Amino acid sequence: MLDPKDIKQEAEIAMQSAVEYLDDTLAHIRAGKASPSLLDSIRIDYYGTMSPLSNVATVTTPDARTIQIQPWEKKILGDIERAIINSNIGLAPNNNGETIRLIIPPLTEERRRDLAKQCKGEAENAKVSVRNARRDAIDTLKKQIKEGLPEDAEKDAEADMQKLHDKYIRLIDDVYAKKEKEIMTV
């Protein structure tokens, strides 16, 4: 027989993972501000190995609208430029022979709404994951009744699961509201 505390702990880990995944996903959504995390998905062929851009160059943001990439070896400048163009991040690299600059264009109102809608969808996916974790935990608790868990202990654990669910749903709403505010701020 499983302990209700173990079931709750497993569910909490799943819920926390959903929130962390949402944080990571929202960090990659461009909000009109320069952020090195926009380039996290870009890989460069470096001596026969596909390496993350951050492993072959220094990525900085000298101002709010610019990302600067300083490769550690000048010979890979062209490879970095091609990788950025092929990555579909929607930014055109400016190569001056030593560094690459990416200028983040200001967002239009329509694009801001589209990004906010995309963020809302990601937040909804995270909420679904939290609800699934709660449902799985409650199903496991109901099965434990057949194995000898007292019904009142199951009901208490179910109430704890609901409180945990509500906590993580509020957390997701807060993360989404913060990102939406960031996107909609001109």
N, C-alpha and C. Protein backbone atom coordinates (compact mmCIF):
# COMPACT_ATOMS: atom_id res chain seq x y z
N MET A 1 0.85 -1.18 0.00
CA MET A 1 0.00 0.00 0.00
C MET A 1 0.89 1.25 0.00
N LEU A 2 0.55 2.20 -0.85
CA LEU A 2 1.29 3.45 -0.94
C LEU A 2 0.81 4.44 0.11
N ASP A 3 1.75 5.23 0.60
CA ASP A 3 1.42 6.25 1.58
C ASP A 3 0.85 7.47 0.85
N PRO A 4 -0.26 8.05 1.34
CA PRO A 4 -0.82 9.25 0.69
C PRO A 4 0.18 10.39 0.54
N LYS A 5 1.14 10.50 1.48
CA LYS A 5 2.14 11.55 1.40
C LYS A 5 3.04 11.35 0.17
N ASP A 6 3.37 10.07 -0.13
CA ASP A 6 4.19 9.79 -1.31
C ASP A 6 3.44 10.13 -2.59
N ILE A 7 2.15 9.83 -2.60
CA ILE A 7 1.31 10.13 -3.78
C ILE A 7 1.25 11.64 -3.98
N LYS A 8 1.06 12.37 -2.88
CA LYS A 8 1.00 13.84 -2.94
C LYS A 8 2.33 14.41 -3.42
N GLN A 9 3.42 13.85 -2.93
CA GLN A 9 4.75 14.33 -3.32
C GLN A 9 5.00 14.10 -4.82
N GLU A 10 4.60 12.95 -5.33
CA GLU A 10 4.74 12.66 -6.76
C GLU A 10 3.93 13.65 -7.59
N ALA A 11 2.71 13.91 -7.15
CA ALA A 11 1.85 14.86 -7.87
C ALA A 11 2.46 16.26 -7.84
N GLU A 12 3.01 16.64 -6.69
CA GLU A 12 3.61 17.97 -6.58
C GLU A 12 4.82 18.10 -7.51
N ILE A 13 5.60 17.05 -7.63
CA ILE A 13 6.74 17.07 -8.54
C ILE A 13 6.26 17.26 -9.98
N ALA A 14 5.20 16.56 -10.36
CA ALA A 14 4.64 16.69 -11.71
C ALA A 14 4.11 18.11 -11.94
N MET A 15 3.45 18.67 -10.95
CA MET A 15 2.90 20.02 -11.07
C MET A 15 4.02 21.05 -11.17
N GLN A 16 5.06 20.88 -10.36
CA GLN A 16 6.20 21.80 -10.40
C GLN A 16 6.89 21.73 -11.76
N SER A 17 6.98 20.53 -12.33
CA SER A 17 7.58 20.37 -13.66
C SER A 17 6.78 21.12 -14.71
N ALA A 18 5.46 21.09 -14.59
CA ALA A 18 4.61 21.81 -15.55
C ALA A 18 4.88 23.31 -15.48
N VAL A 19 5.03 23.84 -14.27
CA VAL A 19 5.30 25.28 -14.11
C VAL A 19 6.69 25.63 -14.65
N GLU A 20 7.68 24.77 -14.39
CA GLU A 20 9.03 25.03 -14.89
C GLU A 20 9.06 24.98 -16.41
N TYR A 21 8.34 24.03 -16.99
CA TYR A 21 8.27 23.94 -18.45
C TYR A 21 7.62 25.20 -19.03
N LEU A 22 6.57 25.68 -18.38
CA LEU A 22 5.91 26.91 -18.82
C LEU A 22 6.88 28.09 -18.75
N ASP A 23 7.61 28.21 -17.66
CA ASP A 23 8.61 29.28 -17.52
C ASP A 23 9.61 29.23 -18.68
N ASP A 24 10.11 28.04 -18.95
CA ASP A 24 11.10 27.86 -20.02
C ASP A 24 10.51 28.21 -21.38
N THR A 25 9.29 27.75 -21.63
CA THR A 25 8.64 28.01 -22.91
C THR A 25 8.38 29.50 -23.10
N LEU A 26 7.89 30.16 -22.06
CA LEU A 26 7.60 31.59 -22.17
C LEU A 26 8.87 32.43 -22.31
N ALA A 27 9.99 31.93 -21.78
CA ALA A 27 11.25 32.66 -21.91
C ALA A 27 11.70 32.72 -23.37
N HIS A 28 11.28 31.74 -24.17
CA HIS A 28 11.68 31.71 -25.58
C HIS A 28 10.74 32.51 -26.48
N ILE A 29 9.68 33.04 -25.94
CA ILE A 29 8.76 33.85 -26.74
C ILE A 29 9.27 35.28 -26.71
N ARG A 30 9.54 35.80 -27.89
CA ARG A 30 10.14 37.13 -28.02
C ARG A 30 9.11 38.19 -27.69
N ALA A 31 9.44 39.03 -26.74
CA ALA A 31 8.51 40.07 -26.30
C ALA A 31 8.98 41.46 -26.71
N GLY A 32 9.74 41.55 -27.81
CA GLY A 32 10.22 42.84 -28.26
C GLY A 32 11.45 43.31 -27.51
N LYS A 33 11.95 42.47 -26.61
CA LYS A 33 13.14 42.77 -25.82
C LYS A 33 14.23 41.79 -26.18
N ALA A 34 15.45 42.25 -26.25
CA ALA A 34 16.58 41.36 -26.54
C ALA A 34 16.84 40.45 -25.35
N SER A 35 16.99 39.17 -25.62
CA SER A 35 17.28 38.20 -24.58
C SER A 35 18.13 37.08 -25.17
N PRO A 36 19.24 36.74 -24.55
CA PRO A 36 20.07 35.65 -25.07
C PRO A 36 19.32 34.32 -25.14
N SER A 37 18.27 34.15 -24.35
CA SER A 37 17.52 32.89 -24.37
C SER A 37 16.81 32.67 -25.70
N LEU A 38 16.64 33.73 -26.51
CA LEU A 38 16.03 33.56 -27.83
C LEU A 38 16.88 32.66 -28.72
N LEU A 39 18.17 32.57 -28.42
CA LEU A 39 19.09 31.81 -29.26
C LEU A 39 19.43 30.44 -28.68
N ASP A 40 18.76 30.03 -27.61
CA ASP A 40 19.07 28.76 -26.96
C ASP A 40 18.90 27.56 -27.87
N SER A 41 17.99 27.63 -28.82
CA SER A 41 17.72 26.47 -29.67
C SER A 41 18.68 26.36 -30.86
N ILE A 42 19.53 27.35 -31.06
CA ILE A 42 20.43 27.35 -32.22
C ILE A 42 21.66 26.49 -31.94
N ARG A 43 21.95 25.61 -32.90
CA ARG A 43 23.10 24.71 -32.81
C ARG A 43 24.05 25.02 -33.96
N ILE A 44 25.36 24.94 -33.68
CA ILE A 44 26.41 25.24 -34.65
C ILE A 44 27.26 23.99 -34.85
N ASP A 45 27.61 23.69 -36.11
CA ASP A 45 28.52 22.59 -36.39
C ASP A 45 29.93 23.06 -36.02
N TYR A 46 30.45 22.58 -34.91
CA TYR A 46 31.74 23.01 -34.38
C TYR A 46 32.64 21.79 -34.26
N TYR A 47 33.59 21.68 -35.19
CA TYR A 47 34.50 20.54 -35.25
C TYR A 47 33.74 19.22 -35.29
N GLY A 48 32.70 19.17 -36.12
CA GLY A 48 31.95 17.94 -36.33
C GLY A 48 30.90 17.65 -35.29
N THR A 49 30.72 18.50 -34.31
CA THR A 49 29.73 18.29 -33.26
C THR A 49 28.74 19.45 -33.28
N MET A 50 27.45 19.12 -33.19
CA MET A 50 26.44 20.17 -33.11
C MET A 50 26.43 20.71 -31.68
N SER A 51 26.89 21.94 -31.54
CA SER A 51 27.03 22.57 -30.23
C SER A 51 26.07 23.74 -30.09
N PRO A 52 25.57 23.99 -28.87
CA PRO A 52 24.74 25.17 -28.66
C PRO A 52 25.55 26.44 -28.93
N LEU A 53 24.89 27.47 -29.40
CA LEU A 53 25.56 28.73 -29.72
C LEU A 53 26.34 29.26 -28.51
N SER A 54 25.78 29.12 -27.32
CA SER A 54 26.44 29.64 -26.13
C SER A 54 27.74 28.91 -25.80
N ASN A 55 27.97 27.73 -26.43
CA ASN A 55 29.22 26.99 -26.20
C ASN A 55 30.33 27.40 -27.15
N VAL A 56 30.02 28.19 -28.18
CA VAL A 56 31.03 28.58 -29.15
C VAL A 56 31.18 30.09 -29.27
N ALA A 57 30.37 30.84 -28.53
CA ALA A 57 30.43 32.29 -28.63
C ALA A 57 29.89 32.92 -27.35
N THR A 58 30.24 34.18 -27.17
CA THR A 58 29.70 34.95 -26.07
C THR A 58 28.47 35.70 -26.59
N VAL A 59 27.34 35.50 -25.92
CA VAL A 59 26.10 36.14 -26.34
C VAL A 59 25.73 37.17 -25.27
N THR A 60 25.65 38.45 -25.72
CA THR A 60 25.34 39.52 -24.78
C THR A 60 24.21 40.40 -25.34
N THR A 61 23.65 41.21 -24.46
CA THR A 61 22.63 42.18 -24.87
C THR A 61 23.11 43.56 -24.45
N PRO A 62 23.80 44.27 -25.38
CA PRO A 62 24.31 45.60 -25.02
C PRO A 62 23.22 46.62 -24.74
N ASP A 63 22.05 46.44 -25.35
CA ASP A 63 20.90 47.31 -25.05
C ASP A 63 19.62 46.50 -25.20
N ALA A 64 18.49 47.13 -24.98
CA ALA A 64 17.21 46.41 -24.93
C ALA A 64 16.76 45.86 -26.28
N ARG A 65 17.33 46.33 -27.38
CA ARG A 65 16.90 45.90 -28.71
C ARG A 65 17.98 45.18 -29.50
N THR A 66 19.12 44.87 -28.89
CA THR A 66 20.24 44.28 -29.62
C THR A 66 20.79 43.06 -28.90
N ILE A 67 21.07 42.01 -29.68
CA ILE A 67 21.81 40.86 -29.18
C ILE A 67 23.12 40.83 -29.95
N GLN A 68 24.22 40.71 -29.21
CA GLN A 68 25.53 40.68 -29.85
C GLN A 68 26.16 39.31 -29.62
N ILE A 69 26.70 38.74 -30.70
CA ILE A 69 27.32 37.42 -30.63
C ILE A 69 28.79 37.58 -31.01
N GLN A 70 29.68 37.25 -30.08
CA GLN A 70 31.12 37.34 -30.30
C GLN A 70 31.67 35.91 -30.31
N PRO A 71 31.93 35.33 -31.51
CA PRO A 71 32.43 33.95 -31.55
C PRO A 71 33.84 33.87 -30.97
N TRP A 72 34.17 32.72 -30.40
CA TRP A 72 35.48 32.52 -29.83
C TRP A 72 36.53 32.32 -30.92
N GLU A 73 36.08 31.86 -32.09
CA GLU A 73 36.97 31.71 -33.24
C GLU A 73 36.31 32.39 -34.42
N LYS A 74 37.03 33.30 -35.08
CA LYS A 74 36.44 34.08 -36.16
C LYS A 74 36.02 33.21 -37.34
N LYS A 75 36.65 32.05 -37.52
CA LYS A 75 36.34 31.22 -38.70
C LYS A 75 34.92 30.63 -38.64
N ILE A 76 34.28 30.63 -37.49
CA ILE A 76 32.92 30.08 -37.42
C ILE A 76 31.84 31.16 -37.52
N LEU A 77 32.26 32.38 -37.79
CA LEU A 77 31.32 33.49 -37.91
C LEU A 77 30.25 33.21 -38.97
N GLY A 78 30.67 32.70 -40.12
CA GLY A 78 29.73 32.37 -41.20
C GLY A 78 28.78 31.25 -40.81
N ASP A 79 29.30 30.24 -40.09
CA ASP A 79 28.45 29.13 -39.63
C ASP A 79 27.38 29.62 -38.68
N ILE A 80 27.75 30.53 -37.79
CA ILE A 80 26.79 31.09 -36.84
C ILE A 80 25.72 31.88 -37.59
N GLU A 81 26.16 32.67 -38.56
CA GLU A 81 25.23 33.48 -39.33
C GLU A 81 24.23 32.59 -40.08
N ARG A 82 24.73 31.52 -40.72
CA ARG A 82 23.84 30.59 -41.43
C ARG A 82 22.87 29.90 -40.48
N ALA A 83 23.36 29.52 -39.31
CA ALA A 83 22.50 28.84 -38.33
C ALA A 83 21.37 29.76 -37.87
N ILE A 84 21.67 31.03 -37.69
CA ILE A 84 20.64 31.99 -37.26
C ILE A 84 19.60 32.17 -38.37
N ILE A 85 20.08 32.30 -39.60
CA ILE A 85 19.16 32.47 -40.73
C ILE A 85 18.25 31.24 -40.88
N ASN A 86 18.82 30.05 -40.71
CA ASN A 86 18.06 28.81 -40.88
C ASN A 86 17.19 28.46 -39.68
N SER A 87 17.33 29.19 -38.57
CA SER A 87 16.63 28.82 -37.33
C SER A 87 15.18 29.27 -37.26
N ASN A 88 14.73 30.10 -38.18
CA ASN A 88 13.35 30.60 -38.18
C ASN A 88 12.99 31.41 -36.94
N ILE A 89 13.95 32.13 -36.37
CA ILE A 89 13.61 33.00 -35.23
C ILE A 89 13.15 34.37 -35.72
N GLY A 90 13.27 34.60 -37.03
CA GLY A 90 12.74 35.83 -37.60
C GLY A 90 13.64 37.04 -37.44
N LEU A 91 14.94 36.82 -37.23
CA LEU A 91 15.87 37.92 -37.08
C LEU A 91 16.97 37.80 -38.13
N ALA A 92 17.34 38.93 -38.72
CA ALA A 92 18.40 38.96 -39.73
C ALA A 92 19.71 39.36 -39.07
N PRO A 93 20.75 38.51 -39.19
CA PRO A 93 22.04 38.84 -38.57
C PRO A 93 22.80 39.90 -39.37
N ASN A 94 23.47 40.79 -38.65
CA ASN A 94 24.36 41.80 -39.24
C ASN A 94 25.78 41.41 -38.86
N ASN A 95 26.58 41.01 -39.84
CA ASN A 95 27.94 40.53 -39.62
C ASN A 95 28.92 41.63 -39.99
N ASN A 96 29.76 42.05 -39.02
CA ASN A 96 30.75 43.09 -39.32
C ASN A 96 32.16 42.52 -39.42
N GLY A 97 32.29 41.21 -39.50
CA GLY A 97 33.60 40.58 -39.62
C GLY A 97 34.17 40.10 -38.29
N GLU A 98 33.69 40.65 -37.19
CA GLU A 98 34.15 40.23 -35.87
C GLU A 98 33.01 39.77 -34.98
N THR A 99 31.88 40.43 -35.08
CA THR A 99 30.72 40.07 -34.27
C THR A 99 29.48 40.03 -35.15
N ILE A 100 28.45 39.41 -34.61
CA ILE A 100 27.15 39.40 -35.27
C ILE A 100 26.19 40.14 -34.35
N ARG A 101 25.43 41.04 -34.94
CA ARG A 101 24.42 41.78 -34.18
C ARG A 101 23.04 41.39 -34.71
N LEU A 102 22.13 41.18 -33.78
CA LEU A 102 20.73 40.92 -34.11
C LEU A 102 19.92 42.08 -33.54
N ILE A 103 19.23 42.79 -34.41
CA ILE A 103 18.40 43.91 -33.97
C ILE A 103 16.97 43.40 -33.82
N ILE A 104 16.42 43.56 -32.64
CA ILE A 104 15.05 43.13 -32.35
C ILE A 104 14.11 44.26 -32.77
N PRO A 105 13.27 44.02 -33.78
CA PRO A 105 12.35 45.08 -34.20
C PRO A 105 11.23 45.27 -33.18
N PRO A 106 10.71 46.49 -33.08
CA PRO A 106 9.58 46.71 -32.17
C PRO A 106 8.36 45.92 -32.67
N LEU A 107 7.57 45.45 -31.73
CA LEU A 107 6.40 44.64 -32.08
C LEU A 107 5.21 45.52 -32.44
N THR A 108 4.44 45.06 -33.43
CA THR A 108 3.20 45.75 -33.76
C THR A 108 2.13 45.32 -32.76
N GLU A 109 1.05 46.07 -32.70
CA GLU A 109 -0.04 45.72 -31.77
C GLU A 109 -0.61 44.35 -32.10
N GLU A 110 -0.76 44.06 -33.38
CA GLU A 110 -1.31 42.76 -33.79
C GLU A 110 -0.38 41.62 -33.37
N ARG A 111 0.92 41.82 -33.57
CA ARG A 111 1.89 40.79 -33.18
C ARG A 111 1.90 40.59 -31.67
N ARG A 112 1.74 41.68 -30.93
CA ARG A 112 1.67 41.57 -29.46
C ARG A 112 0.48 40.73 -29.04
N ARG A 113 -0.66 40.95 -29.69
CA ARG A 113 -1.86 40.15 -29.36
C ARG A 113 -1.64 38.68 -29.70
N ASP A 114 -1.00 38.42 -30.86
CA ASP A 114 -0.71 37.03 -31.24
C ASP A 114 0.20 36.34 -30.23
N LEU A 115 1.23 37.06 -29.78
CA LEU A 115 2.15 36.50 -28.79
C LEU A 115 1.44 36.25 -27.46
N ALA A 116 0.56 37.18 -27.07
CA ALA A 116 -0.20 37.00 -25.82
C ALA A 116 -1.10 35.78 -25.93
N LYS A 117 -1.70 35.59 -27.10
CA LYS A 117 -2.56 34.43 -27.33
C LYS A 117 -1.74 33.13 -27.26
N GLN A 118 -0.54 33.17 -27.84
CA GLN A 118 0.34 32.01 -27.79
C GLN A 118 0.73 31.69 -26.34
N CYS A 119 1.02 32.72 -25.57
CA CYS A 119 1.37 32.53 -24.15
C CYS A 119 0.19 31.94 -23.38
N LYS A 120 -1.02 32.42 -23.69
CA LYS A 120 -2.22 31.91 -23.03
C LYS A 120 -2.39 30.42 -23.32
N GLY A 121 -2.12 30.03 -24.57
CA GLY A 121 -2.20 28.62 -24.93
C GLY A 121 -1.19 27.77 -24.16
N GLU A 122 0.02 28.29 -24.02
CA GLU A 122 1.05 27.56 -23.26
C GLU A 122 0.64 27.45 -21.78
N ALA A 123 0.07 28.53 -21.24
CA ALA A 123 -0.39 28.50 -19.84
C ALA A 123 -1.52 27.48 -19.69
N GLU A 124 -2.40 27.41 -20.67
CA GLU A 124 -3.50 26.45 -20.61
C GLU A 124 -2.97 25.01 -20.65
N ASN A 125 -1.94 24.77 -21.46
CA ASN A 125 -1.32 23.44 -21.51
C ASN A 125 -0.72 23.07 -20.15
N ALA A 126 -0.10 24.04 -19.50
CA ALA A 126 0.47 23.79 -18.18
C ALA A 126 -0.64 23.47 -17.17
N LYS A 127 -1.77 24.19 -17.27
CA LYS A 127 -2.89 23.92 -16.37
C LYS A 127 -3.43 22.51 -16.58
N VAL A 128 -3.49 22.08 -17.84
CA VAL A 128 -3.95 20.72 -18.15
C VAL A 128 -3.02 19.71 -17.50
N SER A 129 -1.72 19.96 -17.56
CA SER A 129 -0.75 19.04 -16.94
C SER A 129 -0.96 18.97 -15.42
N VAL A 130 -1.23 20.12 -14.81
CA VAL A 130 -1.47 20.14 -13.36
C VAL A 130 -2.75 19.37 -13.04
N ARG A 131 -3.79 19.58 -13.85
CA ARG A 131 -5.05 18.85 -13.60
C ARG A 131 -4.86 17.35 -13.78
N ASN A 132 -4.07 16.96 -14.78
CA ASN A 132 -3.80 15.54 -15.00
C ASN A 132 -3.05 14.93 -13.82
N ALA A 133 -2.10 15.68 -13.27
CA ALA A 133 -1.35 15.19 -12.11
C ALA A 133 -2.30 14.99 -10.92
N ARG A 134 -3.22 15.94 -10.74
CA ARG A 134 -4.21 15.82 -9.65
C ARG A 134 -5.10 14.61 -9.88
N ARG A 135 -5.60 14.45 -11.11
CA ARG A 135 -6.48 13.32 -11.43
C ARG A 135 -5.77 11.99 -11.20
N ASP A 136 -4.52 11.88 -11.67
CA ASP A 136 -3.77 10.64 -11.49
C ASP A 136 -3.57 10.33 -10.01
N ALA A 137 -3.26 11.36 -9.22
CA ALA A 137 -3.06 11.15 -7.79
C ALA A 137 -4.36 10.71 -7.12
N ILE A 138 -5.47 11.33 -7.49
CA ILE A 138 -6.75 10.96 -6.88
C ILE A 138 -7.14 9.54 -7.29
N ASP A 139 -6.89 9.17 -8.54
CA ASP A 139 -7.16 7.79 -8.98
C ASP A 139 -6.33 6.79 -8.18
N THR A 140 -5.07 7.13 -7.95
CA THR A 140 -4.19 6.26 -7.17
C THR A 140 -4.71 6.14 -5.74
N LEU A 141 -5.17 7.26 -5.18
CA LEU A 141 -5.72 7.23 -3.82
C LEU A 141 -6.97 6.34 -3.75
N LYS A 142 -7.84 6.42 -4.75
CA LYS A 142 -9.05 5.60 -4.77
C LYS A 142 -8.70 4.12 -4.85
N LYS A 143 -7.65 3.79 -5.58
CA LYS A 143 -7.20 2.39 -5.66
C LYS A 143 -6.65 1.92 -4.32
N GLN A 144 -6.07 2.87 -3.56
CA GLN A 144 -5.50 2.51 -2.26
C GLN A 144 -6.58 2.14 -1.24
N ILE A 145 -7.80 2.62 -1.45
CA ILE A 145 -8.91 2.26 -0.55
C ILE A 145 -9.12 0.75 -0.62
N LYS A 146 -9.04 0.19 -1.84
CA LYS A 146 -9.22 -1.25 -2.01
C LYS A 146 -8.11 -2.04 -1.34
N GLU A 147 -6.96 -1.39 -1.15
CA GLU A 147 -5.83 -2.06 -0.52
C GLU A 147 -5.75 -1.78 0.98
N GLY A 148 -6.78 -1.12 1.52
CA GLY A 148 -6.84 -0.98 2.96
C GLY A 148 -6.67 0.44 3.49
N LEU A 149 -6.55 1.43 2.65
CA LEU A 149 -6.45 2.80 3.12
C LEU A 149 -7.82 3.24 3.64
N PRO A 150 -7.88 3.81 4.84
CA PRO A 150 -9.16 4.27 5.36
C PRO A 150 -9.74 5.38 4.47
N GLU A 151 -11.08 5.38 4.35
CA GLU A 151 -11.74 6.36 3.47
C GLU A 151 -11.53 7.79 3.94
N ASP A 152 -11.51 8.01 5.25
CA ASP A 152 -11.31 9.38 5.72
C ASP A 152 -9.89 9.87 5.39
N ALA A 153 -8.91 8.97 5.44
CA ALA A 153 -7.54 9.35 5.06
C ALA A 153 -7.49 9.68 3.57
N GLU A 154 -8.25 8.93 2.78
CA GLU A 154 -8.30 9.18 1.33
C GLU A 154 -8.95 10.53 1.07
N LYS A 155 -10.04 10.84 1.77
CA LYS A 155 -10.73 12.11 1.59
C LYS A 155 -9.83 13.29 2.00
N ASP A 156 -9.09 13.12 3.10
CA ASP A 156 -8.16 14.16 3.53
C ASP A 156 -7.06 14.38 2.48
N ALA A 157 -6.53 13.28 1.97
CA ALA A 157 -5.49 13.38 0.95
C ALA A 157 -6.03 14.02 -0.32
N GLU A 158 -7.29 13.70 -0.66
CA GLU A 158 -7.92 14.29 -1.84
C GLU A 158 -8.08 15.81 -1.65
N ALA A 159 -8.45 16.23 -0.46
CA ALA A 159 -8.57 17.67 -0.17
C ALA A 159 -7.20 18.35 -0.27
N ASP A 160 -6.16 17.66 0.21
CA ASP A 160 -4.80 18.20 0.08
C ASP A 160 -4.39 18.33 -1.38
N MET A 161 -4.79 17.35 -2.20
CA MET A 161 -4.48 17.40 -3.63
C MET A 161 -5.17 18.60 -4.28
N GLN A 162 -6.39 18.88 -3.86
CA GLN A 162 -7.11 20.02 -4.42
C GLN A 162 -6.42 21.34 -4.04
N LYS A 163 -5.96 21.43 -2.79
CA LYS A 163 -5.25 22.63 -2.36
C LYS A 163 -3.96 22.81 -3.16
N LEU A 164 -3.26 21.70 -3.38
CA LEU A 164 -2.02 21.73 -4.16
C LEU A 164 -2.31 22.16 -5.59
N HIS A 165 -3.37 21.60 -6.15
CA HIS A 165 -3.81 21.95 -7.51
C HIS A 165 -4.09 23.44 -7.61
N ASP A 166 -4.85 23.97 -6.66
CA ASP A 166 -5.21 25.40 -6.67
C ASP A 166 -3.97 26.28 -6.57
N LYS A 167 -3.00 25.86 -5.75
CA LYS A 167 -1.76 26.62 -5.59
C LYS A 167 -1.01 26.71 -6.92
N TYR A 168 -0.89 25.59 -7.62
CA TYR A 168 -0.14 25.60 -8.88
C TYR A 168 -0.90 26.29 -10.01
N ILE A 169 -2.21 26.22 -9.99
CA ILE A 169 -3.00 26.95 -11.00
C ILE A 169 -2.80 28.45 -10.81
N ARG A 170 -2.81 28.92 -9.54
CA ARG A 170 -2.55 30.34 -9.26
C ARG A 170 -1.15 30.74 -9.72
N LEU A 171 -0.18 29.85 -9.48
CA LEU A 171 1.20 30.11 -9.89
C LEU A 171 1.29 30.25 -11.42
N ILE A 172 0.61 29.38 -12.14
CA ILE A 172 0.59 29.45 -13.61
C ILE A 172 -0.06 30.75 -14.06
N ASP A 173 -1.17 31.12 -13.43
CA ASP A 173 -1.83 32.38 -13.77
C ASP A 173 -0.90 33.57 -13.54
N ASP A 174 -0.13 33.54 -12.46
CA ASP A 174 0.80 34.62 -12.17
C ASP A 174 1.91 34.71 -13.22
N VAL A 175 2.46 33.54 -13.60
CA VAL A 175 3.52 33.51 -14.60
C VAL A 175 2.98 34.05 -15.93
N TYR A 176 1.78 33.62 -16.29
CA TYR A 176 1.17 34.09 -17.55
C TYR A 176 0.91 35.59 -17.50
N ALA A 177 0.35 36.08 -16.39
CA ALA A 177 0.04 37.51 -16.28
C ALA A 177 1.30 38.35 -16.40
N LYS A 178 2.38 37.89 -15.81
CA LYS A 178 3.65 38.62 -15.88
C LYS A 178 4.15 38.67 -17.32
N LYS A 179 4.08 37.55 -18.03
CA LYS A 179 4.55 37.52 -19.42
C LYS A 179 3.64 38.34 -20.32
N GLU A 180 2.34 38.28 -20.08
CA GLU A 180 1.40 39.06 -20.88
C GLU A 180 1.68 40.56 -20.69
N LYS A 181 1.92 40.97 -19.47
CA LYS A 181 2.23 42.37 -19.20
C LYS A 181 3.51 42.78 -19.92
N GLU A 182 4.51 41.91 -19.90
CA GLU A 182 5.78 42.18 -20.58
C GLU A 182 5.56 42.35 -22.09
N ILE A 183 4.73 41.49 -22.67
CA ILE A 183 4.48 41.54 -24.10
C ILE A 183 3.67 42.78 -24.48
N MET A 184 2.66 43.10 -23.71
CA MET A 184 1.76 44.19 -24.07
C MET A 184 2.32 45.58 -23.74
N THR A 185 3.40 45.64 -22.95
CA THR A 185 4.01 46.93 -22.63
C THR A 185 4.78 47.44 -23.84
N VAL A 186 4.44 48.63 -24.26
CA VAL A 186 5.09 49.20 -25.47
C VAL A 186 6.37 49.88 -25.08
